């Protein structure tokens, strides 16, 4: 009996040692936050960057094993969070008051700006309406996560425009705010060549691979081609893991199936790049 107990203990220790460390930089609200975070933690996630309605955002609290970074949706089309259609802010407004935002940053209730939803709102990510928020992010050194690419059905944002997900549209904002820390969510989606151009032109840009690594949306063979191109382009130091609320095991498995990635590259994607990007 003692031998069996010892073997079980050793197995658990080995599992803990070998378990993959992961930072999920792209997470949204769930009807059961505690269950969602528990599932992520069991898969090796030790830090998440979550953005949801302001009220629900306050329910996401970390523990000694899993840290939570809180984002800020801006702007909110019709005052609603896309897809879940929760009211973004208590006052129902589309744009949070800039003074209030700065106060929340100072209170350490906002760790990053994102998901930036300009595409859902129907404006460019370089629209001057975003400049006061970018200025705050630059002032306080906060990362900014911007939606790029496409969107699924049922998002409830009538002004959404596919063409506004083109990463090239960020150029003007980066000229105005050269110290802005930005990650392009979904790695540009269908705008692959434009995304690559931006990543090569602006070495401070990072990206998450959420949606690309979701086999329910992107076929595994297409994900493999896209990732091979990104790695061959020398971007392994700026790619970050994100689930975008997809099944965490499926998104991890999608990466593990990429036989051209070595263990060092996987570590960078899973957590090392994100640790550098979110470091203050």
Protein backbone atom coordinates (compact mmCIF):
# COMPACT_ATOMS: atom_id res chain seq x y z
CA UNK A 1 0.00 0.00 0.00
CA UNK A 2 2.87 2.35 0.87
CA UNK A 3 4.50 1.61 -2.50
CA UNK A 4 1.29 2.43 -4.36
CA UNK A 5 0.92 5.67 -2.42
CA UNK A 6 4.54 6.57 -3.19
CA UNK A 7 4.08 5.88 -6.89
CA UNK A 8 0.95 8.02 -7.00
CA UNK A 9 2.84 10.81 -5.26
CA UNK A 10 5.74 10.59 -7.69
CA UNK A 11 3.33 10.62 -10.62
CA UNK A 12 1.69 13.78 -9.33
CA UNK A 13 5.05 15.43 -8.79
CA UNK A 14 6.20 14.53 -12.31
CA UNK A 15 2.96 15.87 -13.72
CA UNK A 16 3.42 19.15 -11.88
CA UNK A 17 7.01 19.45 -13.06
CA UNK A 18 6.21 18.64 -16.68
CA UNK A 19 2.92 20.55 -16.89
CA UNK A 20 3.08 23.29 -19.50
CA UNK A 21 3.17 26.84 -18.11
CA UNK A 22 0.77 29.10 -19.99
CA UNK A 23 -0.29 32.73 -20.06
CA UNK A 24 -3.65 33.28 -21.77
CA UNK A 25 -3.58 36.83 -23.09
CA UNK A 26 -7.04 36.72 -24.67
CA UNK A 27 -9.91 35.78 -22.38
CA UNK A 28 -13.48 37.04 -22.04
CA UNK A 29 -16.27 36.67 -19.52
CA UNK A 30 -18.10 33.45 -18.75
CA UNK A 31 -21.37 32.75 -16.92
CA UNK A 32 -19.31 30.86 -14.33
CA UNK A 33 -15.99 32.70 -13.87
CA UNK A 34 -14.79 30.41 -11.05
CA UNK A 35 -15.32 27.30 -13.18
CA UNK A 36 -13.67 28.95 -16.18
CA UNK A 37 -10.59 29.96 -14.21
CA UNK A 38 -10.38 26.55 -12.54
CA UNK A 39 -10.37 24.84 -15.94
CA UNK A 40 -7.60 27.12 -17.17
CA UNK A 41 -5.55 26.55 -14.03
CA UNK A 42 -5.78 22.78 -14.42
CA UNK A 43 -4.31 23.14 -17.91
CA UNK A 44 -1.28 25.03 -16.66
CA UNK A 45 -2.49 28.60 -17.09
CA UNK A 46 -1.04 30.81 -14.36
CA UNK A 47 -1.94 34.26 -15.70
CA UNK A 48 -4.87 35.53 -17.77
CA UNK A 49 -5.69 38.86 -19.39
CA UNK A 50 -9.47 39.12 -19.25
CA UNK A 51 -11.81 41.71 -20.73
CA UNK A 52 -15.56 41.69 -20.25
CA UNK A 53 -18.28 44.04 -18.99
CA UNK A 54 -17.06 46.27 -16.18
CA UNK A 55 -19.46 44.72 -13.66
CA UNK A 56 -18.42 41.16 -14.52
CA UNK A 57 -14.78 42.20 -14.66
CA UNK A 58 -14.86 42.80 -10.92
CA UNK A 59 -15.82 39.16 -10.30
CA UNK A 60 -12.55 37.94 -11.85
CA UNK A 61 -10.10 37.69 -9.00
CA UNK A 62 -6.89 35.73 -8.97
CA UNK A 63 -5.30 33.52 -6.35
CA UNK A 64 -1.83 32.31 -5.45
CA UNK A 65 -1.78 30.00 -8.48
CA UNK A 66 -3.50 32.11 -11.13
CA UNK A 67 -3.11 35.87 -11.56
CA UNK A 68 -5.74 37.96 -13.35
CA UNK A 69 -4.99 41.06 -15.42
CA UNK A 70 -8.04 43.25 -16.00
CA UNK A 71 -8.71 44.97 -19.31
CA UNK A 72 -11.08 47.65 -20.54
CA UNK A 73 -13.37 47.24 -23.52
CA UNK A 74 -13.36 50.43 -25.60
CA UNK A 75 -15.43 51.48 -27.44
CA UNK A 76 -18.59 49.46 -26.80
CA UNK A 77 -20.96 49.53 -29.81
CA UNK A 78 -24.41 50.53 -28.57
CA UNK A 79 -22.99 50.22 -25.08
CA UNK A 80 -22.87 46.43 -25.37
CA UNK A 81 -20.18 43.77 -25.21
CA UNK A 82 -20.17 41.97 -28.60
CA UNK A 83 -21.65 38.47 -28.56
CA UNK A 84 -22.67 38.40 -24.88
CA UNK A 85 -24.48 41.75 -25.32
CA UNK A 86 -23.99 42.65 -21.68
CA UNK A 87 -24.00 46.34 -20.86
CA UNK A 88 -20.36 47.42 -20.89
CA UNK A 89 -20.63 50.12 -18.27
CA UNK A 90 -23.21 50.97 -15.63
CA UNK A 91 -24.14 54.23 -17.37
CA UNK A 92 -24.80 52.41 -20.66
CA UNK A 93 -22.38 54.62 -22.59
CA UNK A 94 -20.26 53.49 -25.52
CA UNK A 95 -17.15 55.39 -24.44
CA UNK A 96 -16.03 55.41 -20.80
CA UNK A 97 -15.26 58.82 -19.34
CA UNK A 98 -11.52 59.42 -19.78
CA UNK A 99 -11.09 60.85 -16.28
CA UNK A 100 -12.82 57.80 -14.82
CA UNK A 101 -10.52 55.53 -16.83
CA UNK A 102 -7.44 57.26 -15.46
CA UNK A 103 -8.79 56.95 -11.93
CA UNK A 104 -9.28 53.19 -12.41
CA UNK A 105 -5.74 52.88 -13.76
CA UNK A 106 -4.40 54.72 -10.73
CA UNK A 107 -6.42 52.39 -8.47
CA UNK A 108 -4.78 49.46 -10.32
CA UNK A 109 -8.16 48.17 -11.52
CA UNK A 110 -7.12 48.37 -15.18
CA UNK A 111 -3.99 46.53 -16.30
CA UNK A 112 -4.39 46.90 -20.06
CA UNK A 113 -6.68 48.45 -22.65
CA UNK A 114 -8.51 45.85 -24.64
CA UNK A 115 -10.12 44.43 -26.35
CA UNK A 116 -10.13 47.58 -28.45
CA UNK A 117 -13.34 47.23 -30.45
CA UNK A 118 -13.01 49.98 -33.04
CA UNK A 119 -13.76 47.52 -35.82
CA UNK A 120 -17.07 46.57 -34.21
CA UNK A 121 -17.86 50.24 -33.67
CA UNK A 122 -17.26 50.97 -37.35
CA UNK A 123 -14.17 53.17 -37.12
CA UNK A 124 -10.44 52.77 -37.75
CA UNK A 125 -8.13 51.70 -34.93
CA UNK A 126 -6.32 54.98 -35.65
CA UNK A 127 -9.45 57.11 -35.33
CA UNK A 128 -8.78 60.20 -33.21
CA UNK A 129 -11.58 59.13 -30.86
CA UNK A 130 -9.13 56.54 -29.53
CA UNK A 131 -6.29 59.00 -28.96
CA UNK A 132 -7.20 60.00 -25.37
CA UNK A 133 -7.19 56.30 -24.41
CA UNK A 134 -3.96 55.58 -26.26
CA UNK A 135 -2.42 58.60 -24.52
CA UNK A 136 -3.33 57.13 -21.12
CA UNK A 137 -1.95 53.74 -22.10
CA UNK A 138 1.31 55.33 -23.21
CA UNK A 139 1.48 57.51 -20.08
CA UNK A 140 1.09 54.58 -17.69
CA UNK A 141 2.87 51.98 -19.82
CA UNK A 142 -0.24 49.84 -20.24
CA UNK A 143 -0.43 47.25 -23.05
CA UNK A 144 -3.15 47.69 -25.67
CA UNK A 145 -4.84 44.72 -27.33
CA UNK A 146 -6.58 45.55 -30.62
CA UNK A 147 -9.03 43.33 -32.47
CA UNK A 148 -7.91 42.58 -36.01
CA UNK A 149 -9.25 40.30 -38.70
CA UNK A 150 -12.80 38.99 -38.90
CA UNK A 151 -15.70 38.30 -36.57
CA UNK A 152 -18.12 35.44 -36.09
CA UNK A 153 -21.89 35.65 -36.46
CA UNK A 154 -24.20 37.04 -33.82
CA UNK A 155 -21.91 39.74 -32.46
CA UNK A 156 -24.73 42.29 -32.35
CA UNK A 157 -22.66 45.18 -33.74
CA UNK A 158 -24.43 46.56 -36.83
CA UNK A 159 -21.57 48.93 -37.75
CA UNK A 160 -18.92 46.20 -37.87
CA UNK A 161 -16.79 46.40 -41.01
CA UNK A 162 -14.45 43.64 -42.12
CA UNK A 163 -12.02 46.03 -43.80
CA UNK A 164 -11.46 47.89 -40.52
CA UNK A 165 -9.67 44.82 -39.19
CA UNK A 166 -6.69 45.48 -41.45
CA UNK A 167 -3.56 45.88 -39.25
CA UNK A 168 -2.17 48.53 -41.62
CA UNK A 169 -4.74 50.93 -40.20
CA UNK A 170 -2.71 51.10 -36.99
CA UNK A 171 0.17 52.99 -38.65
CA UNK A 172 -1.20 56.47 -37.98
CA UNK A 173 -1.78 55.73 -34.29
CA UNK A 174 1.75 54.37 -33.88
CA UNK A 175 3.12 57.54 -35.44
CA UNK A 176 1.18 59.58 -32.91
CA UNK A 177 2.09 57.29 -29.99
CA UNK A 178 5.47 55.72 -30.75
CA UNK A 179 5.87 54.26 -27.24
CA UNK A 180 2.52 52.45 -27.30
CA UNK A 181 2.73 48.75 -26.37
CA UNK A 182 0.35 46.98 -28.76
CA UNK A 183 -0.56 43.41 -29.47
CA UNK A 184 -2.58 42.55 -32.55
CA UNK A 185 -5.28 40.08 -31.58
CA UNK A 186 -5.89 37.11 -33.89
CA UNK A 187 -2.64 37.90 -35.76
CA UNK A 188 -4.49 39.89 -38.39
CA UNK A 189 -6.84 37.05 -39.37
CA UNK A 190 -7.30 37.04 -43.15
CA UNK A 191 -5.01 40.06 -43.50
CA UNK A 192 -1.92 37.88 -43.31
CA UNK A 193 0.36 39.87 -45.62
CA UNK A 194 -0.65 43.17 -44.02
CA UNK A 195 -0.04 41.69 -40.58
CA UNK A 196 3.42 40.50 -41.59
CA UNK A 197 4.26 43.93 -42.98
CA UNK A 198 3.28 45.60 -39.70
CA UNK A 199 5.20 43.11 -37.57
CA UNK A 200 8.34 43.59 -39.64
CA UNK A 201 8.02 47.39 -39.77
CA UNK A 202 7.27 47.85 -36.07
CA UNK A 203 9.41 45.49 -33.96
CA UNK A 204 7.63 46.61 -30.79
CA UNK A 205 4.38 44.98 -31.95
CA UNK A 206 3.31 41.63 -30.49
CA UNK A 207 0.42 39.38 -31.48
CA UNK A 208 -1.76 36.65 -30.06
CA UNK A 209 -2.70 33.56 -32.02
CA UNK A 210 -6.22 33.14 -30.66
CA UNK A 211 -8.84 31.92 -33.15
CA UNK A 212 -6.01 30.67 -35.38
CA UNK A 213 -5.43 27.89 -32.84
CA UNK A 214 -9.13 27.07 -32.51
CA UNK A 215 -9.74 23.94 -34.64
CA UNK A 216 -13.49 24.64 -34.63
CA UNK A 217 -12.82 27.80 -36.64
CA UNK A 218 -9.51 27.27 -38.45
CA UNK A 219 -8.69 23.79 -39.84
CA UNK A 220 -5.49 22.38 -38.30
CA UNK A 221 -3.71 22.26 -41.65
CA UNK A 222 -4.38 25.98 -42.22
CA UNK A 223 -3.20 26.79 -38.72
CA UNK A 224 0.01 24.85 -39.37
CA UNK A 225 0.69 26.77 -42.60
CA UNK A 226 0.05 30.12 -40.91
CA UNK A 227 2.28 29.31 -37.93
CA UNK A 228 5.09 28.02 -40.13
CA UNK A 229 5.04 31.29 -42.05
CA UNK A 230 5.15 33.32 -38.83
CA UNK A 231 8.02 31.29 -37.41
CA UNK A 232 9.97 31.41 -40.69
CA UNK A 233 9.52 35.19 -40.65
CA UNK A 234 11.38 35.32 -37.34
CA UNK A 235 8.39 36.27 -35.18
CA UNK A 236 8.74 33.55 -32.55
CA UNK A 237 9.76 36.14 -29.94
CA UNK A 238 6.53 38.15 -30.35
CA UNK A 239 3.77 35.55 -30.63
CA UNK A 240 1.58 34.91 -27.57
CA UNK A 241 -0.93 32.26 -26.62
CA UNK A 242 -4.60 33.20 -26.42
CA UNK A 243 -7.73 31.08 -26.18
CA UNK A 244 -10.48 33.68 -26.79
CA UNK A 245 -12.70 31.43 -24.63
CA UNK A 246 -12.21 28.42 -26.89
CA UNK A 247 -11.68 24.99 -25.32
CA UNK A 248 -8.33 25.38 -23.61
CA UNK A 249 -7.23 21.80 -24.20
CA UNK A 250 -8.06 22.02 -27.91
CA UNK A 251 -6.06 25.23 -28.36
CA UNK A 252 -3.08 23.75 -26.53
CA UNK A 253 -3.29 20.53 -28.55
CA UNK A 254 -3.31 22.58 -31.76
CA UNK A 255 0.10 23.96 -30.84
CA UNK A 256 1.45 20.62 -29.66
CA UNK A 257 0.64 19.11 -33.07
CA UNK A 258 2.99 21.56 -34.81
CA UNK A 259 5.98 19.26 -35.21
CA UNK A 260 8.19 22.05 -36.58
CA UNK A 261 8.12 23.87 -33.23
CA UNK A 262 10.87 22.98 -30.77
CA UNK A 263 10.36 23.14 -27.01
CA UNK A 264 12.07 26.52 -26.69
CA UNK A 265 9.73 28.02 -29.29
CA UNK A 266 6.70 26.55 -27.55
CA UNK A 267 7.78 28.07 -24.24
CA UNK A 268 8.06 31.47 -25.90
CA UNK A 269 4.55 31.22 -27.33
CA UNK A 270 3.00 29.75 -24.19
CA UNK A 271 4.37 32.23 -21.68
CA UNK A 272 7.85 33.72 -22.11
CA UNK A 273 6.88 36.31 -24.72
CA UNK A 274 3.84 37.38 -22.71
CA UNK A 275 5.91 37.74 -19.55
CA UNK A 276 8.17 40.21 -21.37
CA UNK A 277 5.29 42.05 -23.03
CA UNK A 278 3.23 42.58 -19.87
CA UNK A 279 6.22 43.37 -17.65
CA UNK A 280 6.05 46.88 -16.19
